[in-house]
Amino acid sequence: MRDMQTTRGTPLSGAGPTGALRSGSGAGDEPDTSADAVAAVEGDVAADGSGRRRHIGVLIVVAAMVIIGDVVSKILVVANLTDHAPIKLLGGLITLEETRNPGAAFSVGTSATLIFGVVAIAVIAIIVRTARRLFSRPWSIVLGLLLGGATGNLIDRVLRSPGVLRGYVVDWIRVPHFAVFNVADSAITVGGTLAVLLAISGRQLDGSRATSARRTSDDDSQS
């Protein structure tokens, strides 16, 4: 029998082509992680091996939509509502009127225009820096809203009179028993509210949940 196998060229130990295939099958069973490794090096995938990807694109799109909506709406308001009687909609529930605000969102701090301009620049810089470790889609939407809102009002402070970082912000939406505001103010308010909700729910910027991490550490300590 051994002679027959030797004559036919069939190896007894599996070292031939079939054996070589079997010996390499272990490596073949493992998923090819070369693409993930490259992405991790480039910073697109979380380094903890979770497979989470950065969502900077979502942040940019959301911020761009807010900025475009804010700038275009202000241009239209200045062109059509300056020295114009307020326009009431929905039976007075919403009133459109052009006002100039030297303060922060919702006309807060009208005597600190320069300070709010500097604060807006600092907020934008912090958000841009934070984006490098942003692996959570909900947080990317939140930061996009905040970035777009801060940038929209900063454009007014830089470009409008009376001067750079002292320019008055154009507000044009009024509702009963509330301050006049604009699209940028709305984005900041919605973004801030969502940020609080995400923080309460334990969602982190890297896409993980603080509650699950805490639970794991508690289980380890008990064991």
N, C-alpha and C. Protein backbone atom coordinates (compact mmCIF):
# COMPACT_ATOMS: atom_id res chain seq x y z
N MET A 1 0.83 -1.21 0.00
CA MET A 1 0.00 0.00 0.00
C MET A 1 0.87 1.26 0.00
N ARG A 2 1.94 1.25 0.84
CA ARG A 2 2.84 2.41 0.87
C ARG A 2 3.50 2.61 -0.48
N ASP A 3 3.89 1.50 -1.13
CA ASP A 3 4.52 1.62 -2.44
C ASP A 3 3.57 2.19 -3.45
N MET A 4 2.29 1.81 -3.38
CA MET A 4 1.32 2.30 -4.34
C MET A 4 1.12 3.80 -4.15
N GLN A 5 1.05 4.23 -2.90
CA GLN A 5 0.87 5.66 -2.66
C GLN A 5 2.08 6.46 -3.08
N THR A 6 3.27 5.85 -2.84
CA THR A 6 4.48 6.54 -3.26
C THR A 6 4.56 6.62 -4.76
N THR A 7 4.17 5.52 -5.43
CA THR A 7 4.23 5.49 -6.88
C THR A 7 3.26 6.50 -7.48
N ARG A 8 2.09 6.61 -6.92
CA ARG A 8 1.12 7.55 -7.46
C ARG A 8 1.43 9.00 -7.07
N GLY A 9 2.37 9.21 -6.20
CA GLY A 9 2.77 10.58 -5.84
C GLY A 9 1.88 11.20 -4.77
N THR A 10 1.15 10.31 -4.06
CA THR A 10 0.29 10.84 -3.01
C THR A 10 1.04 10.81 -1.69
N PRO A 11 1.32 11.98 -1.07
CA PRO A 11 2.10 12.00 0.18
C PRO A 11 1.28 11.48 1.34
N LEU A 12 1.96 10.76 2.23
CA LEU A 12 1.29 10.22 3.40
C LEU A 12 1.06 11.29 4.47
N SER A 13 1.96 12.26 4.57
CA SER A 13 1.90 13.25 5.66
C SER A 13 1.09 14.48 5.31
N GLY A 14 0.56 14.58 4.07
CA GLY A 14 -0.20 15.77 3.68
C GLY A 14 0.68 16.94 3.39
N ALA A 15 1.97 16.65 3.03
CA ALA A 15 2.89 17.76 2.77
C ALA A 15 2.82 18.20 1.33
N GLY A 16 2.03 17.53 0.50
CA GLY A 16 1.93 17.88 -0.90
C GLY A 16 1.03 19.07 -1.10
N PRO A 17 0.48 19.20 -2.32
CA PRO A 17 -0.36 20.36 -2.61
C PRO A 17 -1.55 20.45 -1.68
N THR A 18 -2.21 19.23 -1.41
CA THR A 18 -3.37 19.26 -0.53
C THR A 18 -2.97 19.65 0.88
N GLY A 19 -1.86 19.10 1.34
CA GLY A 19 -1.38 19.43 2.68
C GLY A 19 -1.01 20.88 2.80
N ALA A 20 -0.40 21.40 1.72
CA ALA A 20 -0.03 22.81 1.75
C ALA A 20 -1.27 23.67 1.85
N LEU A 21 -2.33 23.25 1.12
CA LEU A 21 -3.57 24.00 1.17
C LEU A 21 -4.17 23.97 2.56
N ARG A 22 -4.08 22.72 3.17
CA ARG A 22 -4.62 22.60 4.52
C ARG A 22 -3.82 23.41 5.53
N SER A 23 -2.52 23.41 5.36
CA SER A 23 -1.69 24.15 6.31
C SER A 23 -1.92 25.63 6.20
N GLY A 24 -2.33 26.11 5.01
CA GLY A 24 -2.59 27.54 4.85
C GLY A 24 -4.02 27.92 5.11
N SER A 25 -4.90 26.90 5.36
CA SER A 25 -6.30 27.21 5.53
C SER A 25 -6.55 28.00 6.81
N GLY A 26 -5.70 27.83 7.81
CA GLY A 26 -5.89 28.58 9.06
C GLY A 26 -5.81 30.06 8.83
N ALA A 27 -4.83 30.47 8.00
CA ALA A 27 -4.70 31.90 7.72
C ALA A 27 -5.84 32.37 6.85
N GLY A 28 -6.32 31.43 5.97
CA GLY A 28 -7.39 31.84 5.08
C GLY A 28 -8.71 32.03 5.81
N ASP A 29 -8.88 31.33 6.93
CA ASP A 29 -10.12 31.46 7.68
C ASP A 29 -10.22 32.80 8.38
N GLU A 30 -9.10 33.46 8.65
CA GLU A 30 -9.12 34.73 9.35
C GLU A 30 -9.46 35.84 8.37
N PRO A 31 -10.31 36.80 8.78
CA PRO A 31 -10.68 37.89 7.88
C PRO A 31 -9.48 38.76 7.55
N ASP A 32 -9.49 39.27 6.32
CA ASP A 32 -8.42 40.15 5.88
C ASP A 32 -8.64 41.52 6.47
N THR A 33 -7.79 41.88 7.39
CA THR A 33 -7.95 43.15 8.09
C THR A 33 -7.00 44.21 7.57
N SER A 34 -6.43 43.99 6.39
CA SER A 34 -5.47 44.95 5.87
C SER A 34 -6.12 46.29 5.61
N ALA A 35 -7.36 46.29 5.06
CA ALA A 35 -8.05 47.55 4.79
C ALA A 35 -8.36 48.29 6.08
N ASP A 36 -8.80 47.54 7.12
CA ASP A 36 -9.08 48.18 8.40
C ASP A 36 -7.80 48.72 9.03
N ALA A 37 -6.69 47.98 8.83
CA ALA A 37 -5.43 48.45 9.40
C ALA A 37 -4.99 49.76 8.76
N VAL A 38 -5.15 49.83 7.44
CA VAL A 38 -4.78 51.07 6.74
C VAL A 38 -5.67 52.22 7.20
N ALA A 39 -6.98 51.92 7.32
CA ALA A 39 -7.91 52.96 7.76
C ALA A 39 -7.59 53.41 9.18
N ALA A 40 -7.18 52.46 10.03
CA ALA A 40 -6.84 52.83 11.40
C ALA A 40 -5.62 53.73 11.44
N VAL A 41 -4.64 53.41 10.58
CA VAL A 41 -3.44 54.25 10.52
C VAL A 41 -3.79 55.64 10.05
N GLU A 42 -4.71 55.73 9.08
CA GLU A 42 -5.10 57.03 8.55
C GLU A 42 -6.05 57.77 9.49
N GLY A 43 -6.52 57.10 10.54
CA GLY A 43 -7.38 57.74 11.51
C GLY A 43 -8.85 57.66 11.22
N ASP A 44 -9.28 56.86 10.21
CA ASP A 44 -10.69 56.76 9.87
C ASP A 44 -11.42 55.73 10.71
N VAL A 45 -10.68 54.81 11.33
CA VAL A 45 -11.28 53.77 12.15
C VAL A 45 -10.73 53.88 13.56
N ALA A 46 -11.61 53.63 14.55
CA ALA A 46 -11.17 53.70 15.94
C ALA A 46 -10.05 52.70 16.20
N ALA A 47 -9.06 53.13 16.96
CA ALA A 47 -7.88 52.29 17.19
C ALA A 47 -8.14 51.15 18.17
N ASP A 48 -9.33 51.13 18.80
CA ASP A 48 -9.60 50.07 19.78
C ASP A 48 -10.10 48.79 19.15
N GLY A 49 -10.15 48.72 17.81
CA GLY A 49 -10.58 47.52 17.12
C GLY A 49 -12.08 47.34 17.06
N SER A 50 -12.86 48.34 17.46
CA SER A 50 -14.31 48.23 17.45
C SER A 50 -14.90 48.37 16.06
N GLY A 51 -14.11 48.87 15.11
CA GLY A 51 -14.61 49.06 13.75
C GLY A 51 -15.37 50.35 13.54
N ARG A 52 -15.50 51.17 14.60
CA ARG A 52 -16.20 52.44 14.45
C ARG A 52 -15.41 53.39 13.57
N ARG A 53 -16.11 54.10 12.70
CA ARG A 53 -15.47 55.02 11.77
C ARG A 53 -15.81 56.46 12.13
N ARG A 54 -14.90 57.34 11.75
CA ARG A 54 -15.13 58.75 12.01
C ARG A 54 -16.26 59.26 11.12
N HIS A 55 -16.97 60.27 11.63
CA HIS A 55 -18.10 60.83 10.90
C HIS A 55 -17.89 62.33 10.66
N ILE A 56 -16.69 62.69 10.26
CA ILE A 56 -16.40 64.10 10.00
C ILE A 56 -17.25 64.61 8.85
N GLY A 57 -17.51 63.73 7.87
CA GLY A 57 -18.33 64.14 6.72
C GLY A 57 -19.71 64.57 7.15
N VAL A 58 -20.30 63.85 8.12
CA VAL A 58 -21.62 64.22 8.62
C VAL A 58 -21.56 65.59 9.28
N LEU A 59 -20.53 65.81 10.09
CA LEU A 59 -20.37 67.11 10.75
C LEU A 59 -20.27 68.24 9.73
N ILE A 60 -19.48 68.03 8.69
CA ILE A 60 -19.28 69.07 7.67
C ILE A 60 -20.58 69.37 6.93
N VAL A 61 -21.32 68.31 6.57
CA VAL A 61 -22.57 68.51 5.83
C VAL A 61 -23.59 69.27 6.68
N VAL A 62 -23.75 68.87 7.94
CA VAL A 62 -24.70 69.54 8.83
C VAL A 62 -24.31 71.00 9.03
N ALA A 63 -23.03 71.24 9.30
CA ALA A 63 -22.56 72.62 9.50
C ALA A 63 -22.77 73.45 8.25
N ALA A 64 -22.47 72.89 7.08
CA ALA A 64 -22.64 73.63 5.83
C ALA A 64 -24.10 73.98 5.58
N MET A 65 -25.01 73.06 5.87
CA MET A 65 -26.43 73.33 5.69
C MET A 65 -26.91 74.46 6.59
N VAL A 66 -26.43 74.46 7.84
CA VAL A 66 -26.82 75.52 8.77
C VAL A 66 -26.27 76.86 8.30
N ILE A 67 -25.00 76.88 7.91
CA ILE A 67 -24.38 78.14 7.48
C ILE A 67 -25.07 78.69 6.24
N ILE A 68 -25.32 77.83 5.26
CA ILE A 68 -25.98 78.29 4.03
C ILE A 68 -27.38 78.81 4.33
N GLY A 69 -28.15 78.04 5.13
CA GLY A 69 -29.49 78.48 5.49
C GLY A 69 -29.49 79.79 6.24
N ASP A 70 -28.52 79.97 7.14
CA ASP A 70 -28.45 81.19 7.93
C ASP A 70 -28.05 82.39 7.07
N VAL A 71 -27.02 82.23 6.26
CA VAL A 71 -26.53 83.35 5.45
C VAL A 71 -27.56 83.77 4.41
N VAL A 72 -28.14 82.79 3.71
CA VAL A 72 -29.12 83.11 2.67
C VAL A 72 -30.35 83.78 3.28
N SER A 73 -30.83 83.26 4.40
CA SER A 73 -32.01 83.86 5.02
C SER A 73 -31.74 85.29 5.47
N LYS A 74 -30.54 85.56 5.99
CA LYS A 74 -30.22 86.92 6.42
C LYS A 74 -30.11 87.87 5.25
N ILE A 75 -29.56 87.38 4.14
CA ILE A 75 -29.48 88.23 2.94
C ILE A 75 -30.88 88.62 2.47
N LEU A 76 -31.79 87.64 2.45
CA LEU A 76 -33.16 87.91 2.02
C LEU A 76 -33.87 88.84 2.99
N VAL A 77 -33.62 88.65 4.28
CA VAL A 77 -34.27 89.51 5.28
C VAL A 77 -33.80 90.95 5.15
N VAL A 78 -32.50 91.14 5.03
CA VAL A 78 -31.96 92.50 4.91
C VAL A 78 -32.47 93.16 3.63
N ALA A 79 -32.60 92.39 2.56
CA ALA A 79 -33.05 92.95 1.28
C ALA A 79 -34.53 93.27 1.26
N ASN A 80 -35.33 92.53 2.04
CA ASN A 80 -36.78 92.68 1.92
C ASN A 80 -37.48 93.21 3.16
N LEU A 81 -36.87 93.11 4.33
CA LEU A 81 -37.55 93.50 5.55
C LEU A 81 -36.96 94.73 6.23
N THR A 82 -35.83 95.23 5.74
CA THR A 82 -35.26 96.44 6.32
C THR A 82 -36.21 97.61 6.09
N ASP A 83 -36.53 98.34 7.16
CA ASP A 83 -37.48 99.46 7.10
C ASP A 83 -38.84 99.01 6.57
N HIS A 84 -39.19 97.78 6.88
CA HIS A 84 -40.47 97.23 6.43
C HIS A 84 -41.27 96.82 7.66
N ALA A 85 -42.56 96.94 7.56
CA ALA A 85 -43.43 96.54 8.68
C ALA A 85 -43.31 95.04 8.92
N PRO A 86 -43.36 94.62 10.17
CA PRO A 86 -43.28 93.18 10.46
C PRO A 86 -44.36 92.39 9.74
N ILE A 87 -44.01 91.20 9.34
CA ILE A 87 -44.94 90.30 8.64
C ILE A 87 -45.37 89.21 9.62
N LYS A 88 -46.66 89.14 9.86
CA LYS A 88 -47.19 88.16 10.81
C LYS A 88 -47.69 86.93 10.06
N LEU A 89 -47.30 85.77 10.57
CA LEU A 89 -47.70 84.50 9.97
C LEU A 89 -48.43 83.66 11.01
N LEU A 90 -49.32 82.80 10.53
CA LEU A 90 -50.04 81.85 11.40
C LEU A 90 -50.77 82.59 12.52
N GLY A 91 -51.43 83.65 12.13
CA GLY A 91 -52.21 84.40 13.11
C GLY A 91 -51.38 85.10 14.17
N GLY A 92 -50.15 85.45 13.83
CA GLY A 92 -49.28 86.13 14.78
C GLY A 92 -48.40 85.21 15.59
N LEU A 93 -48.50 83.88 15.35
CA LEU A 93 -47.65 82.95 16.08
C LEU A 93 -46.19 83.16 15.74
N ILE A 94 -45.92 83.49 14.48
CA ILE A 94 -44.55 83.80 14.03
C ILE A 94 -44.57 85.16 13.36
N THR A 95 -43.65 86.02 13.72
CA THR A 95 -43.53 87.34 13.12
C THR A 95 -42.14 87.49 12.52
N LEU A 96 -42.09 87.94 11.29
CA LEU A 96 -40.82 88.17 10.60
C LEU A 96 -40.50 89.65 10.63
N GLU A 97 -39.40 90.00 11.25
CA GLU A 97 -38.97 91.40 11.31
C GLU A 97 -37.46 91.46 11.45
N GLU A 98 -36.88 92.42 10.78
CA GLU A 98 -35.41 92.55 10.78
C GLU A 98 -34.96 93.40 11.96
N THR A 99 -34.09 92.80 12.79
CA THR A 99 -33.50 93.54 13.90
C THR A 99 -31.99 93.28 13.91
N ARG A 100 -31.24 94.15 14.53
CA ARG A 100 -29.79 93.98 14.66
C ARG A 100 -29.44 93.75 16.13
N ASN A 101 -28.71 92.67 16.39
CA ASN A 101 -28.41 92.25 17.75
C ASN A 101 -26.90 92.30 18.00
N PRO A 102 -26.44 93.16 18.90
CA PRO A 102 -25.01 93.22 19.21
C PRO A 102 -24.56 92.15 20.21
N GLY A 103 -25.52 91.40 20.78
CA GLY A 103 -25.18 90.43 21.81
C GLY A 103 -25.09 89.01 21.28
N ALA A 104 -25.31 88.07 22.17
CA ALA A 104 -25.23 86.65 21.82
C ALA A 104 -26.59 86.18 21.32
N ALA A 105 -26.75 84.86 21.26
CA ALA A 105 -28.00 84.29 20.79
C ALA A 105 -29.17 84.80 21.63
N PHE A 106 -30.28 85.09 20.96
CA PHE A 106 -31.50 85.56 21.61
C PHE A 106 -31.28 86.87 22.35
N SER A 107 -30.38 87.71 21.79
CA SER A 107 -30.16 89.08 22.30
C SER A 107 -29.62 89.11 23.72
N VAL A 108 -28.86 88.11 24.10
CA VAL A 108 -28.27 88.06 25.44
C VAL A 108 -26.92 88.79 25.42
N GLY A 109 -26.66 89.62 26.43
CA GLY A 109 -25.38 90.29 26.56
C GLY A 109 -25.09 91.28 25.45
N THR A 110 -25.97 92.23 25.24
CA THR A 110 -25.84 93.17 24.12
C THR A 110 -24.66 94.12 24.26
N SER A 111 -24.06 94.19 25.43
CA SER A 111 -22.93 95.11 25.63
C SER A 111 -21.58 94.41 25.52
N ALA A 112 -21.56 93.15 25.13
CA ALA A 112 -20.31 92.39 25.07
C ALA A 112 -20.09 91.79 23.69
N THR A 113 -20.27 92.60 22.67
CA THR A 113 -20.18 92.12 21.29
C THR A 113 -18.81 91.52 20.98
N LEU A 114 -17.74 92.22 21.33
CA LEU A 114 -16.39 91.75 21.04
C LEU A 114 -16.10 90.44 21.76
N ILE A 115 -16.52 90.34 23.00
CA ILE A 115 -16.28 89.13 23.77
C ILE A 115 -16.95 87.93 23.11
N PHE A 116 -18.19 88.11 22.66
CA PHE A 116 -18.91 87.00 22.03
C PHE A 116 -18.27 86.60 20.71
N GLY A 117 -17.68 87.56 20.01
CA GLY A 117 -16.97 87.23 18.78
C GLY A 117 -15.77 86.35 19.05
N VAL A 118 -15.01 86.69 20.09
CA VAL A 118 -13.84 85.89 20.47
C VAL A 118 -14.27 84.52 20.95
N VAL A 119 -15.35 84.46 21.73
CA VAL A 119 -15.86 83.18 22.23
C VAL A 119 -16.28 82.29 21.07
N ALA A 120 -16.92 82.87 20.06
CA ALA A 120 -17.34 82.10 18.89
C ALA A 120 -16.14 81.48 18.17
N ILE A 121 -15.07 82.25 18.04
CA ILE A 121 -13.85 81.72 17.40
C ILE A 121 -13.29 80.57 18.23
N ALA A 122 -13.28 80.72 19.54
CA ALA A 122 -12.77 79.65 20.41
C ALA A 122 -13.62 78.40 20.30
N VAL A 123 -14.94 78.56 20.25
CA VAL A 123 -15.84 77.40 20.13
C VAL A 123 -15.59 76.67 18.82
N ILE A 124 -15.45 77.41 17.74
CA ILE A 124 -15.19 76.80 16.43
C ILE A 124 -13.88 76.02 16.46
N ALA A 125 -12.84 76.60 17.06
CA ALA A 125 -11.55 75.93 17.13
C ALA A 125 -11.65 74.64 17.95
N ILE A 126 -12.39 74.66 19.04
CA ILE A 126 -12.55 73.47 19.88
C ILE A 126 -13.28 72.37 19.12
N ILE A 127 -14.33 72.73 18.40
CA ILE A 127 -15.10 71.73 17.65
C ILE A 127 -14.24 71.10 16.56
N VAL A 128 -13.48 71.92 15.84
CA VAL A 128 -12.60 71.40 14.79
C VAL A 128 -11.56 70.46 15.38
N ARG A 129 -11.02 70.82 16.52
CA ARG A 129 -10.02 69.96 17.17
C ARG A 129 -10.66 68.66 17.66
N THR A 130 -11.87 68.73 18.18
CA THR A 130 -12.57 67.56 18.68
C THR A 130 -12.93 66.59 17.57
N ALA A 131 -13.12 67.10 16.37
CA ALA A 131 -13.55 66.26 15.24
C ALA A 131 -12.57 65.14 14.95
N ARG A 132 -11.33 65.27 15.35
CA ARG A 132 -10.34 64.22 15.09
C ARG A 132 -10.64 62.94 15.84
N ARG A 133 -11.35 63.02 16.95
CA ARG A 133 -11.69 61.82 17.71
C ARG A 133 -13.20 61.59 17.75
N LEU A 134 -13.86 61.99 16.66
CA LEU A 134 -15.32 61.90 16.59
C LEU A 134 -15.71 60.64 15.82
N PHE A 135 -16.18 59.62 16.56
CA PHE A 135 -16.60 58.36 15.94
C PHE A 135 -18.07 58.07 16.22
N SER A 136 -18.82 59.07 16.63
CA SER A 136 -20.24 58.91 16.94
C SER A 136 -21.05 59.74 15.97
N ARG A 137 -21.99 59.11 15.26
CA ARG A 137 -22.82 59.85 14.32
C ARG A 137 -23.72 60.87 15.02
N PRO A 138 -24.38 60.50 16.14
CA PRO A 138 -25.19 61.52 16.83
C PRO A 138 -24.38 62.73 17.27
N TRP A 139 -23.18 62.48 17.80
CA TRP A 139 -22.35 63.62 18.22
C TRP A 139 -21.87 64.44 17.02
N SER A 140 -21.67 63.79 15.88
CA SER A 140 -21.26 64.55 14.70
C SER A 140 -22.37 65.49 14.25
N ILE A 141 -23.63 65.06 14.40
CA ILE A 141 -24.75 65.94 14.07
C ILE A 141 -24.82 67.11 15.05
N VAL A 142 -24.64 66.79 16.33
CA VAL A 142 -24.68 67.84 17.36
C VAL A 142 -23.59 68.87 17.13
N LEU A 143 -22.37 68.41 16.93
CA LEU A 143 -21.26 69.35 16.72
C LEU A 143 -21.41 70.09 15.40
N GLY A 144 -22.01 69.46 14.41
CA GLY A 144 -22.28 70.15 13.15
C GLY A 144 -23.26 71.30 13.35
N LEU A 145 -24.30 71.08 14.15
CA LEU A 145 -25.25 72.16 14.45
C LEU A 145 -24.57 73.30 15.20
N LEU A 146 -23.75 72.95 16.20
CA LEU A 146 -23.07 73.98 16.97
C LEU A 146 -22.05 74.74 16.12
N LEU A 147 -21.31 74.00 15.29
CA LEU A 147 -20.32 74.64 14.42
C LEU A 147 -20.98 75.56 13.41
N GLY A 148 -22.07 75.08 12.80
CA GLY A 148 -22.78 75.91 11.83
C GLY A 148 -23.39 77.14 12.46
N GLY A 149 -23.98 76.99 13.65
CA GLY A 149 -24.58 78.14 14.31
C GLY A 149 -23.55 79.17 14.73
N ALA A 150 -22.46 78.70 15.33
CA ALA A 150 -21.40 79.63 15.76
C ALA A 150 -20.79 80.36 14.56
N THR A 151 -20.59 79.63 13.47
CA THR A 151 -19.99 80.24 12.28
C THR A 151 -20.93 81.23 11.63
N GLY A 152 -22.23 80.88 11.58
CA GLY A 152 -23.20 81.79 10.97
C GLY A 152 -23.24 83.14 11.66
N ASN A 153 -23.29 83.15 12.98
CA ASN A 153 -23.32 84.42 13.70
C ASN A 153 -21.97 85.12 13.67
N LEU A 154 -20.87 84.33 13.63
CA LEU A 154 -19.55 84.95 13.55
C LEU A 154 -19.37 85.70 12.23
N ILE A 155 -19.95 85.18 11.16
CA ILE A 155 -19.87 85.88 9.87
C ILE A 155 -20.47 87.28 9.99
N ASP A 156 -21.58 87.39 10.68
CA ASP A 156 -22.17 88.72 10.89
C ASP A 156 -21.25 89.61 11.71
N ARG A 157 -20.65 89.05 12.75
CA ARG A 157 -19.80 89.86 13.61
C ARG A 157 -18.54 90.35 12.89
N VAL A 158 -18.11 89.58 11.92
CA VAL A 158 -16.90 89.97 11.17
C VAL A 158 -17.23 90.92 10.03
N LEU A 159 -18.32 90.69 9.32
CA LEU A 159 -18.59 91.42 8.08
C LEU A 159 -19.54 92.60 8.21
N ARG A 160 -20.38 92.62 9.21
CA ARG A 160 -21.37 93.68 9.30
C ARG A 160 -20.89 94.83 10.18
N SER A 161 -21.54 95.96 10.02
CA SER A 161 -21.18 97.14 10.80
C SER A 161 -21.56 96.92 12.27
N PRO A 162 -20.84 97.59 13.20
CA PRO A 162 -19.93 98.72 12.97
C PRO A 162 -18.46 98.36 12.75
N GLY A 163 -18.06 97.08 12.80
CA GLY A 163 -16.66 96.75 12.59
C GLY A 163 -16.38 95.28 12.83
N VAL A 164 -15.14 94.89 12.54
CA VAL A 164 -14.72 93.50 12.68
C VAL A 164 -14.84 93.06 14.14
N LEU A 165 -15.51 91.92 14.35
CA LEU A 165 -15.78 91.33 15.66
C LEU A 165 -16.70 92.20 16.51
N ARG A 166 -17.19 93.28 15.94
CA ARG A 166 -18.16 94.13 16.64
C ARG A 166 -19.45 94.28 15.84
N GLY A 167 -19.55 93.51 14.74
CA GLY A 167 -20.72 93.61 13.89
C GLY A 167 -21.98 93.09 14.57
N TYR A 168 -23.11 93.69 14.20
CA TYR A 168 -24.38 93.29 14.77
C TYR A 168 -24.95 92.11 13.98
N VAL A 169 -25.49 91.14 14.71
CA VAL A 169 -26.07 89.95 14.10
C VAL A 169 -27.51 90.25 13.66
N VAL A 170 -27.86 89.75 12.49
CA VAL A 170 -29.21 89.94 11.97
C VAL A 170 -30.14 88.88 12.57
N ASP A 171 -31.13 89.31 13.32
CA ASP A 171 -32.18 88.43 13.83
C ASP A 171 -33.48 88.77 13.11
N TRP A 172 -34.34 87.77 12.93
CA TRP A 172 -35.54 88.06 12.14
C TRP A 172 -36.75 87.18 12.45
N ILE A 173 -36.65 86.27 13.39
CA ILE A 173 -37.78 85.41 13.74
C ILE A 173 -38.23 85.76 15.15
N ARG A 174 -39.49 86.09 15.28
CA ARG A 174 -40.06 86.41 16.60
C ARG A 174 -41.27 85.52 16.87
N VAL A 175 -41.31 84.97 18.07
CA VAL A 175 -42.48 84.23 18.53
C VAL A 175 -42.93 84.87 19.83
N PRO A 176 -44.20 84.69 20.20
CA PRO A 176 -44.71 85.36 21.41
C PRO A 176 -43.90 85.01 22.66
N HIS A 177 -43.65 86.03 23.47
CA HIS A 177 -42.99 85.89 24.77
C HIS A 177 -41.59 85.28 24.63
N PHE A 178 -40.91 85.65 23.57
CA PHE A 178 -39.55 85.12 23.35
C PHE A 178 -38.74 86.14 22.58
N ALA A 179 -37.42 86.05 22.69
CA ALA A 179 -36.55 86.99 22.00
C ALA A 179 -36.52 86.71 20.50
N VAL A 180 -36.12 87.70 19.73
CA VAL A 180 -35.97 87.53 18.29
C VAL A 180 -34.71 86.71 18.03
N PHE A 181 -34.76 85.79 17.06
CA PHE A 181 -33.61 84.92 16.80
C PHE A 181 -33.49 84.65 15.31
N ASN A 182 -32.52 83.82 14.93
CA ASN A 182 -32.28 83.49 13.53
C ASN A 182 -31.99 82.00 13.39
N VAL A 183 -31.63 81.58 12.19
CA VAL A 183 -31.36 80.16 11.94
C VAL A 183 -30.17 79.66 12.76
N ALA A 184 -29.11 80.48 12.84
CA ALA A 184 -27.93 80.08 13.61
C ALA A 184 -28.26 79.89 15.08
N ASP A 185 -29.07 80.79 15.64
CA ASP A 185 -29.48 80.65 17.04
C ASP A 185 -30.25 79.34 17.25
N SER A 186 -31.13 79.03 16.30
CA SER A 186 -31.91 77.80 16.41
C SER A 186 -31.01 76.57 16.39
N ALA A 187 -30.01 76.58 15.51
CA ALA A 187 -29.09 75.44 15.43
C ALA A 187 -28.30 75.28 16.73
N ILE A 188 -27.87 76.39 17.31
CA ILE A 188 -27.13 76.34 18.57
C ILE A 188 -28.01 75.78 19.69
N THR A 189 -29.27 76.22 19.73
CA THR A 189 -30.18 75.75 20.77
C THR A 189 -30.47 74.26 20.63
N VAL A 190 -30.78 73.82 19.40
CA VAL A 190 -31.07 72.40 19.17
C VAL A 190 -29.82 71.56 19.44
N GLY A 191 -28.67 72.03 18.98
CA GLY A 191 -27.42 71.30 19.22
C GLY A 191 -27.09 71.19 20.69
N GLY A 192 -27.28 72.27 21.43
CA GLY A 192 -27.01 72.24 22.87
C GLY A 192 -27.95 71.29 23.60
N THR A 193 -29.22 71.30 23.21
CA THR A 193 -30.19 70.39 23.85
C THR A 193 -29.85 68.93 23.57
N LEU A 194 -29.52 68.63 22.32
CA LEU A 194 -29.15 67.26 21.96
C LEU A 194 -27.87 66.83 22.67
N ALA A 195 -26.94 67.76 22.84
CA ALA A 195 -25.68 67.43 23.54
C ALA A 195 -25.96 67.00 24.98
N VAL A 196 -26.87 67.70 25.63
CA VAL A 196 -27.23 67.34 27.00
C VAL A 196 -27.86 65.94 27.04
N LEU A 197 -28.76 65.66 26.09
CA LEU A 197 -29.42 64.36 26.05
C LEU A 197 -28.41 63.24 25.78
N LEU A 198 -27.46 63.48 24.89
CA LEU A 198 -26.45 62.47 24.61
C LEU A 198 -25.56 62.23 25.82
N ALA A 199 -25.21 63.30 26.52
CA ALA A 199 -24.38 63.15 27.71
C ALA A 199 -25.12 62.37 28.79
N ILE A 200 -26.42 62.65 28.94
CA ILE A 200 -27.20 61.93 29.95
C ILE A 200 -27.31 60.45 29.61
N SER A 201 -27.46 60.15 28.30
CA SER A 201 -27.60 58.75 27.88
C SER A 201 -26.28 57.99 27.92
N GLY A 202 -25.17 58.69 28.16
CA GLY A 202 -23.87 58.03 28.27
C GLY A 202 -23.13 57.86 26.97
N ARG A 203 -23.61 58.47 25.89
CA ARG A 203 -22.92 58.35 24.60
C ARG A 203 -21.66 59.22 24.59
N GLN A 204 -20.57 58.62 24.13
CA GLN A 204 -19.29 59.31 24.10
C GLN A 204 -18.95 59.73 22.66
N LEU A 205 -18.00 60.66 22.55
CA LEU A 205 -17.57 61.12 21.23
C LEU A 205 -16.99 60.00 20.39
N ASP A 206 -16.37 59.00 21.04
CA ASP A 206 -15.76 57.90 20.30
C ASP A 206 -16.75 56.80 19.93
N GLY A 207 -18.05 57.03 20.20
CA GLY A 207 -19.07 56.06 19.82
C GLY A 207 -19.40 55.05 20.89
N SER A 208 -18.66 55.04 21.99
CA SER A 208 -18.92 54.09 23.06
C SER A 208 -19.96 54.66 24.03
N ARG A 209 -20.36 53.83 24.96
CA ARG A 209 -21.32 54.24 25.99
C ARG A 209 -20.65 54.18 27.36
N ALA A 210 -20.75 55.23 28.10
CA ALA A 210 -20.12 55.27 29.41
C ALA A 210 -20.77 54.27 30.36
N THR A 211 -22.07 54.04 30.22
CA THR A 211 -22.77 53.13 31.12
C THR A 211 -22.27 51.71 30.97
N SER A 212 -22.06 51.26 29.73
CA SER A 212 -21.58 49.90 29.51
C SER A 212 -20.17 49.73 30.03
N ALA A 213 -19.34 50.75 29.88
CA ALA A 213 -17.96 50.68 30.39
C ALA A 213 -17.96 50.62 31.91
N ARG A 214 -18.86 51.39 32.52
CA ARG A 214 -18.94 51.38 33.97
C ARG A 214 -19.43 50.03 34.48
N ARG A 215 -20.41 49.45 33.74
CA ARG A 215 -20.94 48.17 34.14
C ARG A 215 -19.87 47.09 34.05
N THR A 216 -19.05 47.14 33.00
CA THR A 216 -17.98 46.16 32.83
C THR A 216 -16.96 46.26 33.96
N SER A 217 -16.61 47.47 34.34
CA SER A 217 -15.63 47.65 35.41
C SER A 217 -16.21 47.18 36.74
N ASP A 218 -17.53 47.39 36.94
CA ASP A 218 -18.14 46.90 38.17
C ASP A 218 -18.16 45.39 38.24
N ASP A 219 -18.44 44.74 37.08
CA ASP A 219 -18.43 43.27 37.04
C ASP A 219 -17.05 42.72 37.32
N ASP A 220 -16.02 43.37 36.78
CA ASP A 220 -14.66 42.92 37.00
C ASP A 220 -14.28 43.04 38.47
N SER A 221 -14.73 44.12 39.10
CA SER A 221 -14.38 44.30 40.52
C SER A 221 -15.08 43.28 41.40
N GLN A 222 -16.32 42.91 41.01
CA GLN A 222 -17.05 41.93 41.80
C GLN A 222 -16.47 40.52 41.66
N SER A 223 -15.99 40.23 40.43
CA SER A 223 -15.41 38.91 40.21
C SER A 223 -14.03 38.78 40.87
